[in-house]
Each structure stands twice: as C-alpha cells, then as structure tokens.
Amino acid sequence: MDLEEIATKDDLAALEKRILAALAPKAAKDEQRTFTLKDAATYIGVRPRKLGDLVRSREIPHIRFGKEPKFLKSDLDNYLFQHRVSSSAELESAANNR
C-alpha cells in the first residue's frame, strides 16, 4: 500500500494547512509570554543576580511594572541569539561563500 492509497497530495496539503493554522495562535501567544526575573534567569541560563545586573545596566530589554521587571520571551530569545558564537564550521562556510 503506498501513500497515494491512504491520502492524496491535496489531502495532505489541506491537513498541513489546518495544523499550521491551529499552531499559529499558540506560537504568537508564546512570543508574548512574560517571565519573572527568576524564571527569565533560568530560561537564559544565568543567575538571577546576573540578570538583575543586566537589567540595571540596560543590556537586556525588560518591562517595568512595579518593582520587579518582567521579560518577554521574544526579547530573551533575541538576547540569546545576539550572544551566539558561531562554530568554526559556520565561519569556514561563510568564508568559502565569499
């Protein structure tokens, strides 16, 4: 039995579209999720004191409502991405593509 007997390409495309549509609101909601200082520190892998230092020096985006800062997941992800170090293989590939 091959795949065509189970579902057509159009069936699979329609299913894929339905799955992506169902996941889109969750993905958008996740990006707007907020973290406390302690949870944000755990998420990015630093101690809360270090994250507090980053907040005080304005090195990391945050939201200030009341005393404790809050952090958007998307801001934490961007912060991590900005501090990503490329591997030797990535650097070599980039050099070869120039």
C-alpha atoms as a PDB file:
ATOM      1  CA  MET A   1       0.000   0.000   0.000  1.00  0.00           C
ATOM      2  CA  ASP A   2       1.554   3.314  -0.997  1.00  0.00           C
ATOM      3  CA  LEU A   3       0.850   6.789   0.309  1.00  0.00           C
ATOM      4  CA  GLU A   4      -1.471   7.689  -2.579  1.00  0.00           C
ATOM      5  CA  GLU A   5      -3.892   4.966  -1.445  1.00  0.00           C
ATOM      6  CA  ILE A   6      -4.120   6.490   2.019  1.00  0.00           C
ATOM      7  CA  ALA A   7      -4.329  10.191   1.170  1.00  0.00           C
ATOM      8  CA  THR A   8      -3.844  12.396  -1.858  1.00  0.00           C
ATOM      9  CA  LYS A   9      -1.351  15.230  -2.021  1.00  0.00           C
ATOM     10  CA  ASP A  10      -4.266  17.650  -1.778  1.00  0.00           C
ATOM     11  CA  ASP A  11      -5.475  15.874   1.383  1.00  0.00           C
ATOM     12  CA  LEU A  12      -2.025  16.191   2.932  1.00  0.00           C
ATOM     13  CA  ALA A  13      -1.726  19.847   1.924  1.00  0.00           C
ATOM     14  CA  ALA A  14      -5.117  20.600   3.474  1.00  0.00           C
ATOM     15  CA  LEU A  15      -4.135  18.764   6.664  1.00  0.00           C
ATOM     16  CA  GLU A  16      -0.843  20.648   6.847  1.00  0.00           C
ATOM     17  CA  LYS A  17      -2.709  23.948   6.442  1.00  0.00           C
ATOM     18  CA  ARG A  18      -5.125  23.031   9.252  1.00  0.00           C
ATOM     19  CA  ILE A  19      -2.285  22.012  11.589  1.00  0.00           C
ATOM     20  CA  LEU A  20      -0.333  25.217  10.932  1.00  0.00           C
ATOM     21  CA  ALA A  21      -3.457  27.322  11.455  1.00  0.00           C
ATOM     22  CA  ALA A  22      -4.088  25.580  14.783  1.00  0.00           C
ATOM     23  CA  LEU A  23      -0.488  26.123  15.936  1.00  0.00           C
ATOM     24  CA  ALA A  24      -0.197  29.787  14.876  1.00  0.00           C
ATOM     25  CA  PRO A  25      -2.150  31.307  17.803  1.00  0.00           C
ATOM     26  CA  LYS A  26      -0.117  29.266  20.299  1.00  0.00           C
ATOM     27  CA  ALA A  27       3.165  30.367  18.718  1.00  0.00           C
ATOM     28  CA  ALA A  28       2.083  34.018  18.819  1.00  0.00           C
ATOM     29  CA  LYS A  29       0.971  33.633  22.426  1.00  0.00           C
ATOM     30  CA  ASP A  30       4.314  32.039  23.365  1.00  0.00           C
ATOM     31  CA  GLU A  31       6.202  35.008  21.899  1.00  0.00           C
ATOM     32  CA  GLN A  32       4.179  37.377  24.111  1.00  0.00           C
ATOM     33  CA  ARG A  33       4.683  35.250  27.232  1.00  0.00           C
ATOM     34  CA  THR A  34       6.256  37.120  30.116  1.00  0.00           C
ATOM     35  CA  PHE A  35       8.762  35.804  32.628  1.00  0.00           C
ATOM     36  CA  THR A  36       9.609  36.912  36.157  1.00  0.00           C
ATOM     37  CA  LEU A  37      13.233  37.751  36.874  1.00  0.00           C
ATOM     38  CA  LYS A  38      13.853  34.314  38.408  1.00  0.00           C
ATOM     39  CA  ASP A  39      12.157  32.437  35.558  1.00  0.00           C
ATOM     40  CA  ALA A  40      13.891  34.557  32.911  1.00  0.00           C
ATOM     41  CA  ALA A  41      17.259  33.901  34.536  1.00  0.00           C
ATOM     42  CA  THR A  42      16.584  30.167  34.450  1.00  0.00           C
ATOM     43  CA  TYR A  43      15.419  30.382  30.832  1.00  0.00           C
ATOM     44  CA  ILE A  44      18.615  32.089  29.608  1.00  0.00           C
ATOM     45  CA  GLY A  45      20.882  30.136  31.952  1.00  0.00           C
ATOM     46  CA  VAL A  46      22.198  32.813  34.293  1.00  0.00           C
ATOM     47  CA  ARG A  47      21.763  33.513  37.983  1.00  0.00           C
ATOM     48  CA  PRO A  48      19.022  35.982  38.975  1.00  0.00           C
ATOM     49  CA  ARG A  49      21.679  38.374  40.333  1.00  0.00           C
ATOM     50  CA  LYS A  50      23.439  38.432  36.941  1.00  0.00           C
ATOM     51  CA  LEU A  51      20.139  39.116  35.178  1.00  0.00           C
ATOM     52  CA  GLY A  52      19.471  41.918  37.664  1.00  0.00           C
ATOM     53  CA  ASP A  53      22.857  43.408  36.725  1.00  0.00           C
ATOM     54  CA  LEU A  54      21.904  43.215  33.030  1.00  0.00           C
ATOM     55  CA  VAL A  55      18.634  44.996  33.808  1.00  0.00           C
ATOM     56  CA  ARG A  56      20.342  47.756  35.793  1.00  0.00           C
ATOM     57  CA  SER A  57      22.874  48.329  33.007  1.00  0.00           C
ATOM     58  CA  ARG A  58      20.043  48.223  30.410  1.00  0.00           C
ATOM     59  CA  GLU A  59      21.815  45.468  28.473  1.00  0.00           C
ATOM     60  CA  ILE A  60      18.663  43.358  28.240  1.00  0.00           C
ATOM     61  CA  PRO A  61      15.166  44.550  27.282  1.00  0.00           C
ATOM     62  CA  HIS A  62      12.580  44.342  30.024  1.00  0.00           C
ATOM     63  CA  ILE A  63       9.215  45.686  31.110  1.00  0.00           C
ATOM     64  CA  ARG A  64       8.904  47.640  34.304  1.00  0.00           C
ATOM     65  CA  PHE A  65       5.553  47.455  36.095  1.00  0.00           C
ATOM     66  CA  GLY A  66       6.051  47.963  39.778  1.00  0.00           C
ATOM     67  CA  LYS A  67       9.245  46.866  41.452  1.00  0.00           C
ATOM     68  CA  GLU A  68      10.166  43.632  39.670  1.00  0.00           C
ATOM     69  CA  PRO A  69      10.972  43.655  35.949  1.00  0.00           C
ATOM     70  CA  LYS A  70       9.212  41.313  33.530  1.00  0.00           C
ATOM     71  CA  PHE A  71      10.683  39.866  30.361  1.00  0.00           C
ATOM     72  CA  LEU A  72       9.102  38.944  27.041  1.00  0.00           C
ATOM     73  CA  LYS A  73      10.092  35.526  25.721  1.00  0.00           C
ATOM     74  CA  SER A  74      10.843  37.057  22.326  1.00  0.00           C
ATOM     75  CA  ASP A  75      13.243  39.572  23.944  1.00  0.00           C
ATOM     76  CA  LEU A  76      15.027  36.794  25.832  1.00  0.00           C
ATOM     77  CA  ASP A  77      15.330  34.727  22.652  1.00  0.00           C
ATOM     78  CA  ASN A  78      16.740  37.741  20.769  1.00  0.00           C
ATOM     79  CA  TYR A  79      19.204  38.431  23.589  1.00  0.00           C
ATOM     80  CA  LEU A  80      20.433  34.837  23.449  1.00  0.00           C
ATOM     81  CA  PHE A  81      20.708  34.939  19.655  1.00  0.00           C
ATOM     82  CA  GLN A  82      22.775  38.170  19.802  1.00  0.00           C
ATOM     83  CA  HIS A  83      25.268  36.409  22.079  1.00  0.00           C
ATOM     84  CA  ARG A  84      25.518  33.282  19.979  1.00  0.00           C
ATOM     85  CA  VAL A  85      29.057  32.344  18.977  1.00  0.00           C
ATOM     86  CA  SER A  86      29.416  30.793  15.526  1.00  0.00           C
ATOM     87  CA  SER A  87      31.144  27.441  15.224  1.00  0.00           C
ATOM     88  CA  SER A  88      34.374  27.004  13.289  1.00  0.00           C
ATOM     89  CA  ALA A  89      32.459  25.147  10.586  1.00  0.00           C
ATOM     90  CA  GLU A  90      29.980  28.047  10.211  1.00  0.00           C
ATOM     91  CA  LEU A  91      32.812  30.576   9.965  1.00  0.00           C
ATOM     92  CA  GLU A  92      34.646  28.439   7.417  1.00  0.00           C
ATOM     93  CA  SER A  93      31.478  28.015   5.358  1.00  0.00           C
ATOM     94  CA  ALA A  94      30.830  31.767   5.426  1.00  0.00           C
ATOM     95  CA  ALA A  95      34.423  32.458   4.349  1.00  0.00           C
ATOM     96  CA  ASN A  96      34.135  29.967   1.490  1.00  0.00           C
ATOM     97  CA  ASN A  97      30.898  31.576   0.277  1.00  0.00           C
ATOM     98  CA  ARG A  98      32.514  34.996  -0.118  1.00  0.00           C
END
